[in-house]
Amino acid sequence: MLGLILGELVKSHELGAKPEQVRALVTEHAQTYEQPFEVVRWVYSEPQRLNEFEGLAVESNVVNWVLEHAKVKDKSISFDELMGAAA
């Protein structure tokens, strides 16, 4: 169910992974290796590997969208109510 909601959110607000975001994530990851260019080439040579970075980009887009649009409201409650022990 959550996947459907997130999928619709991504679709309706165009939060899909942008190629430049994916490239930046791959490049950043590759910098931790001795031959970053080879790591980038390796990731891009296999769609399944690239999908992992696309997923990270989509996740980041969704989190950023939610943080921009969320409304926070403070509410004082007792400890028991917080823990679900209130009758």
PDB file of N, CA and C in Angstrom:
ATOM      1  N   MET A   1       0.817  -1.190   0.000  1.00  0.00           N
ATOM      2  CA  MET A   1       0.000   0.000   0.000  1.00  0.00           C
ATOM      3  C   MET A   1       0.870   1.267   0.000  1.00  0.00           C
ATOM      4  N   LEU A   2       1.895   1.284   0.847  1.00  0.00           N
ATOM      5  CA  LEU A   2       2.785   2.433   0.916  1.00  0.00           C
ATOM      6  C   LEU A   2       3.478   2.660  -0.423  1.00  0.00           C
ATOM      7  N   GLY A   3       3.853   1.565  -1.078  1.00  0.00           N
ATOM      8  CA  GLY A   3       4.493   1.664  -2.386  1.00  0.00           C
ATOM      9  C   GLY A   3       3.589   2.333  -3.411  1.00  0.00           C
ATOM     10  N   LEU A   4       2.296   2.040  -3.351  1.00  0.00           N
ATOM     11  CA  LEU A   4       1.343   2.667  -4.277  1.00  0.00           C
ATOM     12  C   LEU A   4       1.233   4.163  -4.013  1.00  0.00           C
ATOM     13  N   ILE A   5       1.179   4.519  -2.751  1.00  0.00           N
ATOM     14  CA  ILE A   5       1.079   5.935  -2.378  1.00  0.00           C
ATOM     15  C   ILE A   5       2.338   6.680  -2.821  1.00  0.00           C
ATOM     16  N   LEU A   6       3.496   6.112  -2.525  1.00  0.00           N
ATOM     17  CA  LEU A   6       4.742   6.757  -2.925  1.00  0.00           C
ATOM     18  C   LEU A   6       4.865   6.835  -4.445  1.00  0.00           C
ATOM     19  N   GLY A   7       4.441   5.786  -5.131  1.00  0.00           N
ATOM     20  CA  GLY A   7       4.473   5.781  -6.585  1.00  0.00           C
ATOM     21  C   GLY A   7       3.625   6.890  -7.170  1.00  0.00           C
ATOM     22  N   GLU A   8       2.446   7.075  -6.600  1.00  0.00           N
ATOM     23  CA  GLU A   8       1.561   8.140  -7.073  1.00  0.00           C
ATOM     24  C   GLU A   8       2.139   9.514  -6.747  1.00  0.00           C
ATOM     25  N   LEU A   9       2.746   9.653  -5.593  1.00  0.00           N
ATOM     26  CA  LEU A   9       3.378  10.912  -5.211  1.00  0.00           C
ATOM     27  C   LEU A   9       4.512  11.256  -6.178  1.00  0.00           C
ATOM     28  N   VAL A  10       5.327  10.267  -6.500  1.00  0.00           N
ATOM     29  CA  VAL A  10       6.437  10.473  -7.437  1.00  0.00           C
ATOM     30  C   VAL A  10       5.903  10.875  -8.802  1.00  0.00           C
ATOM     31  N   LYS A  11       4.866  10.187  -9.243  1.00  0.00           N
ATOM     32  CA  LYS A  11       4.289  10.456 -10.564  1.00  0.00           C
ATOM     33  C   LYS A  11       3.618  11.823 -10.621  1.00  0.00           C
ATOM     34  N   SER A  12       2.780  12.127  -9.661  1.00  0.00           N
ATOM     35  CA  SER A  12       1.994  13.362  -9.708  1.00  0.00           C
ATOM     36  C   SER A  12       2.824  14.617  -9.470  1.00  0.00           C
ATOM     37  N   HIS A  13       3.959  14.487  -8.793  1.00  0.00           N
ATOM     38  CA  HIS A  13       4.793  15.660  -8.500  1.00  0.00           C
ATOM     39  C   HIS A  13       6.139  15.601  -9.225  1.00  0.00           C
ATOM     40  N   GLU A  14       6.240  14.686 -10.188  1.00  0.00           N
ATOM     41  CA  GLU A  14       7.450  14.553 -11.010  1.00  0.00           C
ATOM     42  C   GLU A  14       8.717  14.471 -10.153  1.00  0.00           C
ATOM     43  N   LEU A  15       8.714  13.525  -9.230  1.00  0.00           N
ATOM     44  CA  LEU A  15       9.830  13.351  -8.307  1.00  0.00           C
ATOM     45  C   LEU A  15      10.775  12.237  -8.732  1.00  0.00           C
ATOM     46  N   GLY A  16      10.625  11.777  -9.957  1.00  0.00           N
ATOM     47  CA  GLY A  16      11.489  10.712 -10.461  1.00  0.00           C
ATOM     48  C   GLY A  16      12.943  11.137 -10.500  1.00  0.00           C
ATOM     49  N   ALA A  17      13.798  10.157 -10.620  1.00  0.00           N
ATOM     50  CA  ALA A  17      15.248  10.404 -10.651  1.00  0.00           C
ATOM     51  C   ALA A  17      15.632  11.114 -11.940  1.00  0.00           C
ATOM     52  N   LYS A  18      16.356  12.185 -11.798  1.00  0.00           N
ATOM     53  CA  LYS A  18      16.876  12.920 -12.949  1.00  0.00           C
ATOM     54  C   LYS A  18      18.259  12.348 -13.283  1.00  0.00           C
ATOM     55  N   PRO A  19      18.603  12.254 -14.561  1.00  0.00           N
ATOM     56  CA  PRO A  19      19.907  11.680 -14.927  1.00  0.00           C
ATOM     57  C   PRO A  19      21.088  12.356 -14.229  1.00  0.00           C
ATOM     58  N   GLU A  20      21.012  13.676 -14.061  1.00  0.00           N
ATOM     59  CA  GLU A  20      22.128  14.374 -13.416  1.00  0.00           C
ATOM     60  C   GLU A  20      22.224  14.036 -11.926  1.00  0.00           C
ATOM     61  N   GLN A  21      21.087  13.758 -11.286  1.00  0.00           N
ATOM     62  CA  GLN A  21      21.115  13.341  -9.878  1.00  0.00           C
ATOM     63  C   GLN A  21      21.776  11.975  -9.750  1.00  0.00           C
ATOM     64  N   VAL A  22      21.377  11.070 -10.627  1.00  0.00           N
ATOM     65  CA  VAL A  22      21.927   9.714 -10.585  1.00  0.00           C
ATOM     66  C   VAL A  22      23.424   9.767 -10.835  1.00  0.00           C
ATOM     67  N   ARG A  23      23.830  10.534 -11.826  1.00  0.00           N
ATOM     68  CA  ARG A  23      25.251  10.653 -12.155  1.00  0.00           C
ATOM     69  C   ARG A  23      26.039  11.201 -10.959  1.00  0.00           C
ATOM     70  N   ALA A  24      25.471  12.204 -10.278  1.00  0.00           N
ATOM     71  CA  ALA A  24      26.144  12.781  -9.111  1.00  0.00           C
ATOM     72  C   ALA A  24      26.291  11.747  -7.994  1.00  0.00           C
ATOM     73  N   LEU A  25      25.259  10.951  -7.767  1.00  0.00           N
ATOM     74  CA  LEU A  25      25.332   9.917  -6.728  1.00  0.00           C
ATOM     75  C   LEU A  25      26.360   8.854  -7.076  1.00  0.00           C
ATOM     76  N   VAL A  26      26.366   8.433  -8.335  1.00  0.00           N
ATOM     77  CA  VAL A  26      27.334   7.423  -8.770  1.00  0.00           C
ATOM     78  C   VAL A  26      28.755   7.971  -8.641  1.00  0.00           C
ATOM     79  N   THR A  27      28.952   9.201  -9.085  1.00  0.00           N
ATOM     80  CA  THR A  27      30.279   9.823  -9.029  1.00  0.00           C
ATOM     81  C   THR A  27      30.752   9.974  -7.586  1.00  0.00           C
ATOM     82  N   GLU A  28      29.847  10.411  -6.722  1.00  0.00           N
ATOM     83  CA  GLU A  28      30.204  10.557  -5.302  1.00  0.00           C
ATOM     84  C   GLU A  28      30.613   9.211  -4.704  1.00  0.00           C
ATOM     85  N   HIS A  29      29.844   8.184  -5.012  1.00  0.00           N
ATOM     86  CA  HIS A  29      30.155   6.840  -4.521  1.00  0.00           C
ATOM     87  C   HIS A  29      31.500   6.354  -5.063  1.00  0.00           C
ATOM     88  N   ALA A  30      31.742   6.624  -6.332  1.00  0.00           N
ATOM     89  CA  ALA A  30      32.957   6.156  -6.990  1.00  0.00           C
ATOM     90  C   ALA A  30      34.216   6.796  -6.418  1.00  0.00           C
ATOM     91  N   GLN A  31      34.090   7.965  -5.834  1.00  0.00           N
ATOM     92  CA  GLN A  31      35.257   8.676  -5.299  1.00  0.00           C
ATOM     93  C   GLN A  31      35.916   7.937  -4.146  1.00  0.00           C
ATOM     94  N   THR A  32      35.230   6.967  -3.583  1.00  0.00           N
ATOM     95  CA  THR A  32      35.807   6.206  -2.469  1.00  0.00           C
ATOM     96  C   THR A  32      36.719   5.076  -2.947  1.00  0.00           C
ATOM     97  N   TYR A  33      36.849   4.933  -4.266  1.00  0.00           N
ATOM     98  CA  TYR A  33      37.680   3.884  -4.851  1.00  0.00           C
ATOM     99  C   TYR A  33      38.924   4.475  -5.510  1.00  0.00           C
ATOM    100  N   GLU A  34      39.913   3.613  -5.739  1.00  0.00           N
ATOM    101  CA  GLU A  34      41.165   4.062  -6.353  1.00  0.00           C
ATOM    102  C   GLU A  34      40.983   4.540  -7.787  1.00  0.00           C
ATOM    103  N   GLN A  35      40.088   3.906  -8.530  1.00  0.00           N
ATOM    104  CA  GLN A  35      39.860   4.262  -9.929  1.00  0.00           C
ATOM    105  C   GLN A  35      38.390   4.632 -10.123  1.00  0.00           C
ATOM    106  N   PRO A  36      38.017   5.848  -9.730  1.00  0.00           N
ATOM    107  CA  PRO A  36      36.614   6.254  -9.783  1.00  0.00           C
ATOM    108  C   PRO A  36      35.974   6.105 -11.162  1.00  0.00           C
ATOM    109  N   PHE A  37      36.713   6.435 -12.211  1.00  0.00           N
ATOM    110  CA  PHE A  37      36.149   6.344 -13.552  1.00  0.00           C
ATOM    111  C   PHE A  37      35.720   4.914 -13.877  1.00  0.00           C
ATOM    112  N   GLU A  38      36.517   3.946 -13.456  1.00  0.00           N
ATOM    113  CA  GLU A  38      36.190   2.536 -13.707  1.00  0.00           C
ATOM    114  C   GLU A  38      34.944   2.119 -12.921  1.00  0.00           C
ATOM    115  N   VAL A  39      34.791   2.636 -11.725  1.00  0.00           N
ATOM    116  CA  VAL A  39      33.608   2.318 -10.917  1.00  0.00           C
ATOM    117  C   VAL A  39      32.358   2.892 -11.587  1.00  0.00           C
ATOM    118  N   VAL A  40      32.437   4.127 -12.057  1.00  0.00           N
ATOM    119  CA  VAL A  40      31.304   4.744 -12.751  1.00  0.00           C
ATOM    120  C   VAL A  40      30.947   3.907 -13.975  1.00  0.00           C
ATOM    121  N   ARG A  41      31.931   3.525 -14.734  1.00  0.00           N
ATOM    122  CA  ARG A  41      31.696   2.700 -15.926  1.00  0.00           C
ATOM    123  C   ARG A  41      31.066   1.360 -15.549  1.00  0.00           C
ATOM    124  N   TRP A  42      31.536   0.768 -14.477  1.00  0.00           N
ATOM    125  CA  TRP A  42      31.004  -0.513 -14.003  1.00  0.00           C
ATOM    126  C   TRP A  42      29.537  -0.379 -13.602  1.00  0.00           C
ATOM    127  N   VAL A  43      29.200   0.672 -12.876  1.00  0.00           N
ATOM    128  CA  VAL A  43      27.805   0.886 -12.456  1.00  0.00           C
ATOM    129  C   VAL A  43      26.908   1.062 -13.675  1.00  0.00           C
ATOM    130  N   TYR A  44      27.337   1.881 -14.611  1.00  0.00           N
ATOM    131  CA  TYR A  44      26.520   2.147 -15.792  1.00  0.00           C
ATOM    132  C   TYR A  44      26.463   0.971 -16.769  1.00  0.00           C
ATOM    133  N   SER A  45      27.314  -0.016 -16.596  1.00  0.00           N
ATOM    134  CA  SER A  45      27.310  -1.168 -17.499  1.00  0.00           C
ATOM    135  C   SER A  45      26.214  -2.176 -17.159  1.00  0.00           C
ATOM    136  N   GLU A  46      25.617  -2.050 -15.996  1.00  0.00           N
ATOM    137  CA  GLU A  46      24.600  -3.005 -15.562  1.00  0.00           C
ATOM    138  C   GLU A  46      23.365  -2.258 -15.042  1.00  0.00           C
ATOM    139  N   PRO A  47      22.237  -2.377 -15.752  1.00  0.00           N
ATOM    140  CA  PRO A  47      21.029  -1.641 -15.335  1.00  0.00           C
ATOM    141  C   PRO A  47      20.616  -1.887 -13.879  1.00  0.00           C
ATOM    142  N   GLN A  48      20.820  -3.097 -13.395  1.00  0.00           N
ATOM    143  CA  GLN A  48      20.433  -3.405 -12.013  1.00  0.00           C
ATOM    144  C   GLN A  48      21.256  -2.582 -11.017  1.00  0.00           C
ATOM    145  N   ARG A  49      22.524  -2.394 -11.290  1.00  0.00           N
ATOM    146  CA  ARG A  49      23.370  -1.571 -10.419  1.00  0.00           C
ATOM    147  C   ARG A  49      22.924  -0.112 -10.476  1.00  0.00           C
ATOM    148  N   LEU A  50      22.631   0.344 -11.671  1.00  0.00           N
ATOM    149  CA  LEU A  50      22.205   1.728 -11.852  1.00  0.00           C
ATOM    150  C   LEU A  50      20.862   1.985 -11.167  1.00  0.00           C
ATOM    151  N   ASN A  51      19.991   0.970 -11.150  1.00  0.00           N
ATOM    152  CA  ASN A  51      18.684   1.106 -10.493  1.00  0.00           C
ATOM    153  C   ASN A  51      18.814   1.445  -9.017  1.00  0.00           C
ATOM    154  N   GLU A  52      19.852   0.952  -8.373  1.00  0.00           N
ATOM    155  CA  GLU A  52      20.066   1.249  -6.949  1.00  0.00           C
ATOM    156  C   GLU A  52      20.264   2.757  -6.746  1.00  0.00           C
ATOM    157  N   PHE A  53      21.035   3.368  -7.615  1.00  0.00           N
ATOM    158  CA  PHE A  53      21.295   4.802  -7.509  1.00  0.00           C
ATOM    159  C   PHE A  53      20.067   5.617  -7.918  1.00  0.00           C
ATOM    160  N   GLU A  54      19.305   5.117  -8.877  1.00  0.00           N
ATOM    161  CA  GLU A  54      18.058   5.786  -9.248  1.00  0.00           C
ATOM    162  C   GLU A  54      17.081   5.762  -8.073  1.00  0.00           C
ATOM    163  N   GLY A  55      17.029   4.635  -7.382  1.00  0.00           N
ATOM    164  CA  GLY A  55      16.176   4.530  -6.197  1.00  0.00           C
ATOM    165  C   GLY A  55      16.579   5.508  -5.111  1.00  0.00           C
ATOM    166  N   LEU A  56      17.878   5.672  -4.909  1.00  0.00           N
ATOM    167  CA  LEU A  56      18.364   6.643  -3.918  1.00  0.00           C
ATOM    168  C   LEU A  56      17.971   8.066  -4.302  1.00  0.00           C
ATOM    169  N   ALA A  57      18.042   8.382  -5.595  1.00  0.00           N
ATOM    170  CA  ALA A  57      17.673   9.720  -6.054  1.00  0.00           C
ATOM    171  C   ALA A  57      16.181   9.965  -5.857  1.00  0.00           C
ATOM    172  N   VAL A  58      15.344   8.983  -6.179  1.00  0.00           N
ATOM    173  CA  VAL A  58      13.898   9.124  -5.983  1.00  0.00           C
ATOM    174  C   VAL A  58      13.587   9.288  -4.502  1.00  0.00           C
ATOM    175  N   GLU A  59      14.214   8.482  -3.669  1.00  0.00           N
ATOM    176  CA  GLU A  59      14.009   8.579  -2.223  1.00  0.00           C
ATOM    177  C   GLU A  59      14.349   9.981  -1.719  1.00  0.00           C
ATOM    178  N   SER A  60      15.453  10.504  -2.170  1.00  0.00           N
ATOM    179  CA  SER A  60      15.860  11.854  -1.777  1.00  0.00           C
ATOM    180  C   SER A  60      14.838  12.889  -2.241  1.00  0.00           C
ATOM    181  N   ASN A  61      14.349  12.745  -3.464  1.00  0.00           N
ATOM    182  CA  ASN A  61      13.348  13.680  -3.985  1.00  0.00           C
ATOM    183  C   ASN A  61      12.065  13.645  -3.163  1.00  0.00           C
ATOM    184  N   VAL A  62      11.625  12.453  -2.800  1.00  0.00           N
ATOM    185  CA  VAL A  62      10.394  12.315  -2.009  1.00  0.00           C
ATOM    186  C   VAL A  62      10.582  12.928  -0.623  1.00  0.00           C
ATOM    187  N   VAL A  63      11.694  12.629   0.021  1.00  0.00           N
ATOM    188  CA  VAL A  63      11.963  13.178   1.352  1.00  0.00           C
ATOM    189  C   VAL A  63      11.996  14.703   1.294  1.00  0.00           C
ATOM    190  N   ASN A  64      12.694  15.255   0.309  1.00  0.00           N
ATOM    191  CA  ASN A  64      12.761  16.712   0.179  1.00  0.00           C
ATOM    192  C   ASN A  64      11.386  17.320  -0.064  1.00  0.00           C
ATOM    193  N   TRP A  65      10.571  16.665  -0.889  1.00  0.00           N
ATOM    194  CA  TRP A  65       9.226  17.172  -1.169  1.00  0.00           C
ATOM    195  C   TRP A  65       8.381  17.166   0.114  1.00  0.00           C
ATOM    196  N   VAL A  66       8.438  16.077   0.846  1.00  0.00           N
ATOM    197  CA  VAL A  66       7.656  15.972   2.089  1.00  0.00           C
ATOM    198  C   VAL A  66       8.109  17.032   3.089  1.00  0.00           C
ATOM    199  N   LEU A  67       9.408  17.218   3.236  1.00  0.00           N
ATOM    200  CA  LEU A  67       9.912  18.219   4.179  1.00  0.00           C
ATOM    201  C   LEU A  67       9.486  19.637   3.784  1.00  0.00           C
ATOM    202  N   GLU A  68       9.415  19.912   2.490  1.00  0.00           N
ATOM    203  CA  GLU A  68       8.989  21.229   2.022  1.00  0.00           C
ATOM    204  C   GLU A  68       7.502  21.463   2.239  1.00  0.00           C
ATOM    205  N   HIS A  69       6.703  20.398   2.179  1.00  0.00           N
ATOM    206  CA  HIS A  69       5.246  20.552   2.225  1.00  0.00           C
ATOM    207  C   HIS A  69       4.599  20.126   3.545  1.00  0.00           C
ATOM    208  N   ALA A  70       5.367  19.561   4.442  1.00  0.00           N
ATOM    209  CA  ALA A  70       4.817  19.098   5.719  1.00  0.00           C
ATOM    210  C   ALA A  70       4.505  20.286   6.620  1.00  0.00           C
ATOM    211  N   LYS A  71       3.442  20.160   7.359  1.00  0.00           N
ATOM    212  CA  LYS A  71       3.076  21.174   8.344  1.00  0.00           C
ATOM    213  C   LYS A  71       3.211  20.534   9.719  1.00  0.00           C
ATOM    214  N   VAL A  72       4.025  21.152  10.543  1.00  0.00           N
ATOM    215  CA  VAL A  72       4.289  20.637  11.884  1.00  0.00           C
ATOM    216  C   VAL A  72       3.415  21.393  12.869  1.00  0.00           C
ATOM    217  N   LYS A  73       2.819  20.643  13.774  1.00  0.00           N
ATOM    218  CA  LYS A  73       1.958  21.243  14.783  1.00  0.00           C
ATOM    219  C   LYS A  73       2.341  20.642  16.134  1.00  0.00           C
ATOM    220  N   ASP A  74       2.714  21.482  17.085  1.00  0.00           N
ATOM    221  CA  ASP A  74       3.058  21.013  18.421  1.00  0.00           C
ATOM    222  C   ASP A  74       1.786  20.688  19.194  1.00  0.00           C
ATOM    223  N   LYS A  75       1.847  19.599  19.948  1.00  0.00           N
ATOM    224  CA  LYS A  75       0.710  19.199  20.767  1.00  0.00           C
ATOM    225  C   LYS A  75       1.262  18.570  22.036  1.00  0.00           C
ATOM    226  N   SER A  76       0.810  19.056  23.170  1.00  0.00           N
ATOM    227  CA  SER A  76       1.238  18.502  24.447  1.00  0.00           C
ATOM    228  C   SER A  76       0.370  17.299  24.782  1.00  0.00           C
ATOM    229  N   ILE A  77       1.042  16.183  25.111  1.00  0.00           N
ATOM    230  CA  ILE A  77       0.323  14.984  25.533  1.00  0.00           C
ATOM    231  C   ILE A  77       1.080  14.353  26.689  1.00  0.00           C
ATOM    232  N   SER A  78       0.361  13.529  27.445  1.00  0.00           N
ATOM    233  CA  SER A  78       1.001  12.847  28.575  1.00  0.00           C
ATOM    234  C   SER A  78       1.847  11.680  28.060  1.00  0.00           C
ATOM    235  N   PHE A  79       2.727  11.222  28.919  1.00  0.00           N
ATOM    236  CA  PHE A  79       3.573  10.088  28.573  1.00  0.00           C
ATOM    237  C   PHE A  79       2.721   8.855  28.270  1.00  0.00           C
ATOM    238  N   ASP A  80       1.712   8.614  29.113  1.00  0.00           N
ATOM    239  CA  ASP A  80       0.846   7.449  28.896  1.00  0.00           C
ATOM    240  C   ASP A  80       0.124   7.528  27.559  1.00  0.00           C
ATOM    241  N   GLU A  81      -0.328   8.698  27.197  1.00  0.00           N
ATOM    242  CA  GLU A  81      -1.011   8.860  25.911  1.00  0.00           C
ATOM    243  C   GLU A  81      -0.035   8.594  24.762  1.00  0.00           C
ATOM    244  N   LEU A  82       1.177   9.095  24.901  1.00  0.00           N
ATOM    245  CA  LEU A  82       2.200   8.875  23.889  1.00  0.00           C
ATOM    246  C   LEU A  82       2.483   7.384  23.718  1.00  0.00           C
ATOM    247  N   MET A  83       2.525   6.666  24.818  1.00  0.00           N
ATOM    248  CA  MET A  83       2.856   5.250  24.778  1.00  0.00           C
ATOM    249  C   MET A  83       1.640   4.379  24.496  1.00  0.00           C
ATOM    250  N   GLY A  84       0.470   4.976  24.337  1.00  0.00           N
ATOM    251  CA  GLY A  84      -0.724   4.213  24.007  1.00  0.00           C
ATOM    252  C   GLY A  84      -1.394   3.577  25.204  1.00  0.00           C
ATOM    253  N   ALA A  85      -1.031   3.985  26.410  1.00  0.00           N
ATOM    254  CA  ALA A  85      -1.586   3.388  27.623  1.00  0.00           C
ATOM    255  C   ALA A  85      -2.765   4.174  28.160  1.00  0.00           C
ATOM    256  N   ALA A  86      -3.122   5.290  27.518  1.00  0.00           N
ATOM    257  CA  ALA A  86      -4.244   6.105  27.999  1.00  0.00           C
ATOM    258  C   ALA A  86      -5.549   5.388  27.733  1.00  0.00           C
ATOM    259  N   ALA A  87      -6.450   5.473  28.672  1.00  0.00           N
ATOM    260  CA  ALA A  87      -7.753   4.792  28.527  1.00  0.00           C
ATOM    261  C   ALA A  87      -8.790   5.687  27.942  1.00  0.00           C
TER     262      ALA A  87
END
